[in-house]
Protein backbone atom coordinates (compact mmCIF):
# COMPACT_ATOMS: atom_id res chain seq x y z
CA MET A 1 117.41 137.03 70.52
CA SER A 2 115.32 134.29 71.77
CA VAL A 3 111.91 134.64 72.70
CA ALA A 4 112.39 133.56 75.93
CA GLU A 5 115.29 136.49 76.47
CA GLU A 6 112.66 138.90 74.53
CA MET A 7 109.83 139.00 77.28
CA LEU A 8 112.41 139.49 79.98
CA GLU A 9 113.06 142.37 81.47
CA PRO A 10 116.77 143.76 81.17
CA GLY A 11 118.85 142.77 84.37
CA PRO A 12 121.22 139.94 85.83
CA ALA A 13 118.12 137.11 86.08
CA ARG A 14 117.73 135.10 83.30
CA VAL A 15 114.83 132.09 84.04
CA GLU A 16 116.45 129.09 82.45
CA SER A 17 113.82 126.91 83.04
CA SER A 18 110.17 126.70 84.00
CA ARG A 19 108.67 123.42 85.77
CA ILE A 20 105.70 121.49 86.74
CA ARG A 21 105.44 119.05 89.49
CA ILE A 22 102.44 116.51 89.73
CA LYS A 23 102.78 115.52 93.76
CA ASN A 24 101.68 112.58 94.97
CA LEU A 25 98.99 111.82 92.44
CA ARG A 26 97.01 108.45 94.08
CA LEU A 27 95.71 106.03 92.33
CA ARG A 28 94.84 102.39 91.49
CA THR A 29 95.37 99.93 89.41
CA PHE A 30 96.31 96.37 88.15
CA VAL A 31 100.89 96.12 89.07
CA GLY A 32 102.91 93.02 89.68
CA LEU A 33 103.64 89.57 88.64
CA ASN A 34 101.88 87.12 91.28
CA GLU A 35 98.03 86.24 90.80
CA GLU A 36 96.49 88.42 94.52
CA GLU A 37 98.31 91.35 92.23
CA GLN A 38 96.70 90.63 88.95
CA GLN A 39 93.64 90.17 90.77
CA LYS A 40 93.39 93.07 92.86
CA ARG A 41 94.02 96.59 92.00
CA GLN A 42 96.49 98.14 94.11
CA ASP A 43 97.57 101.73 95.04
CA VAL A 44 100.01 104.08 93.07
CA VAL A 45 101.63 107.32 93.94
CA ILE A 46 102.67 108.40 91.39
CA ASN A 47 105.08 112.17 91.05
CA ILE A 48 105.55 114.09 87.94
CA THR A 49 108.05 116.58 87.64
CA ILE A 50 107.90 118.64 83.60
CA ASP A 51 110.23 121.38 81.80
CA TYR A 52 108.44 123.41 79.47
CA GLU A 53 109.14 126.73 78.02
CA ALA A 54 106.77 128.95 80.55
CA LEU A 55 107.31 132.53 79.37
CA ARG A 56 105.47 132.91 77.01
CA ALA A 57 102.44 132.27 79.62
CA ALA A 58 104.11 134.08 81.93
CA ALA A 59 104.15 137.55 79.89
CA SER A 60 100.54 136.56 78.18
CA ASP A 61 98.85 135.69 81.55
CA SER A 62 97.14 133.50 78.83
CA PRO A 63 96.08 129.67 79.15
CA ASP A 64 96.37 129.18 75.81
CA ASP A 65 100.63 129.28 75.88
CA ALA A 66 100.91 127.31 78.69
CA LEU A 67 100.97 123.75 79.28
CA ASN A 68 97.79 122.34 80.31
CA TYR A 69 98.64 119.87 83.49
CA ARG A 70 95.05 119.31 84.18
CA THR A 71 94.54 117.86 81.18
CA ILE A 72 97.94 115.53 81.37
CA THR A 73 97.13 114.61 84.77
CA LYS A 74 93.39 113.07 83.37
CA GLN A 75 95.06 111.37 80.67
CA VAL A 76 97.92 109.92 83.47
CA ILE A 77 94.59 108.95 85.16
CA GLU A 78 92.83 106.76 82.33
CA LEU A 79 96.24 105.14 81.26
CA VAL A 80 96.92 104.18 85.37
CA GLU A 81 93.74 103.01 85.89
CA ASP A 82 92.69 101.67 82.65
CA ASN A 83 94.99 99.05 82.25
CA ARG A 84 96.96 96.42 83.64
CA PHE A 85 100.89 96.35 84.00
CA LEU A 86 102.87 93.27 84.94
CA LEU A 87 105.78 95.93 85.67
CA LEU A 88 106.97 98.94 87.00
CA GLU A 89 108.56 99.87 83.92
CA LYS A 90 106.64 99.25 82.04
CA LEU A 91 103.64 101.62 83.72
CA VAL A 92 106.21 104.77 84.15
CA HIS A 93 107.53 104.12 80.86
CA ASP A 94 104.04 104.21 79.60
CA VAL A 95 103.38 107.64 81.33
CA ILE A 96 106.49 109.01 79.85
CA LYS A 97 105.93 108.73 76.53
CA LEU A 98 101.37 110.02 77.52
CA VAL A 99 103.27 113.30 78.89
CA LEU A 100 106.20 113.66 75.85
CA GLY A 101 103.01 113.64 73.29
CA HIS A 102 102.74 116.71 74.50
CA GLN A 103 105.14 119.28 72.14
CA ALA A 104 105.61 121.75 74.62
CA VAL A 105 107.57 119.42 77.24
CA ASP A 106 111.23 119.70 76.85
CA SER A 107 111.63 116.95 79.58
CA VAL A 108 109.78 115.09 82.38
CA GLN A 109 110.90 112.07 84.96
CA VAL A 110 108.53 109.88 86.13
CA GLU A 111 108.21 108.74 89.81
CA VAL A 112 105.96 105.32 90.63
CA ASP A 113 105.86 104.18 94.21
CA LYS A 114 103.91 101.31 95.14
CA PRO A 115 103.53 101.51 98.88
CA HIS A 116 103.37 97.96 100.71
CA ALA A 117 105.23 96.01 97.92
CA LEU A 118 107.68 94.72 100.48
CA ARG A 119 106.88 93.71 104.37
CA PHE A 120 109.33 95.95 105.86
CA ALA A 121 109.41 98.48 103.12
CA ASP A 122 106.96 102.31 103.12
CA SER A 123 106.69 100.82 99.36
CA VAL A 124 109.04 100.48 96.59
CA SER A 125 110.10 103.02 93.58
CA LEU A 126 110.75 103.50 90.24
CA THR A 127 111.67 106.63 88.38
CA MET A 128 112.85 107.26 84.90
CA ALA A 129 113.50 110.26 82.80
CA ALA A 130 113.47 111.20 78.95
CA SER A 131 114.37 114.74 77.32
CA ARG A 132 114.12 115.70 73.87
CA ARG A 133 117.13 118.12 73.89
CA GLU A 134 120.57 115.69 73.28
């Protein structure tokens, strides 16, 4: 019997996964190809979805058993604001690598919006996902 199964009370329900969502993290960074984009910080909006096994934390109610999303968010802020990116692809990929650096993370999806990137659009966004599972 797995740890997850042991922690659940008997019954028909079974927790399959747990998900943390960091929504609309608004940061400023250098991102883009043209000279103006490399000279002036631009707004980006980041959404991160993290799947991890949260049953131990749910059972213990101990922060030591939980994934610390505050720490992850601070690391993302530092990564994004302290670097320069030519492509959204690089920015998104770097955030994914950072999040997967936390061993408790099973999978992650990151979407970065670049508001006002196109004249007649609210934003342009790029989404990537990665998983430790096969």
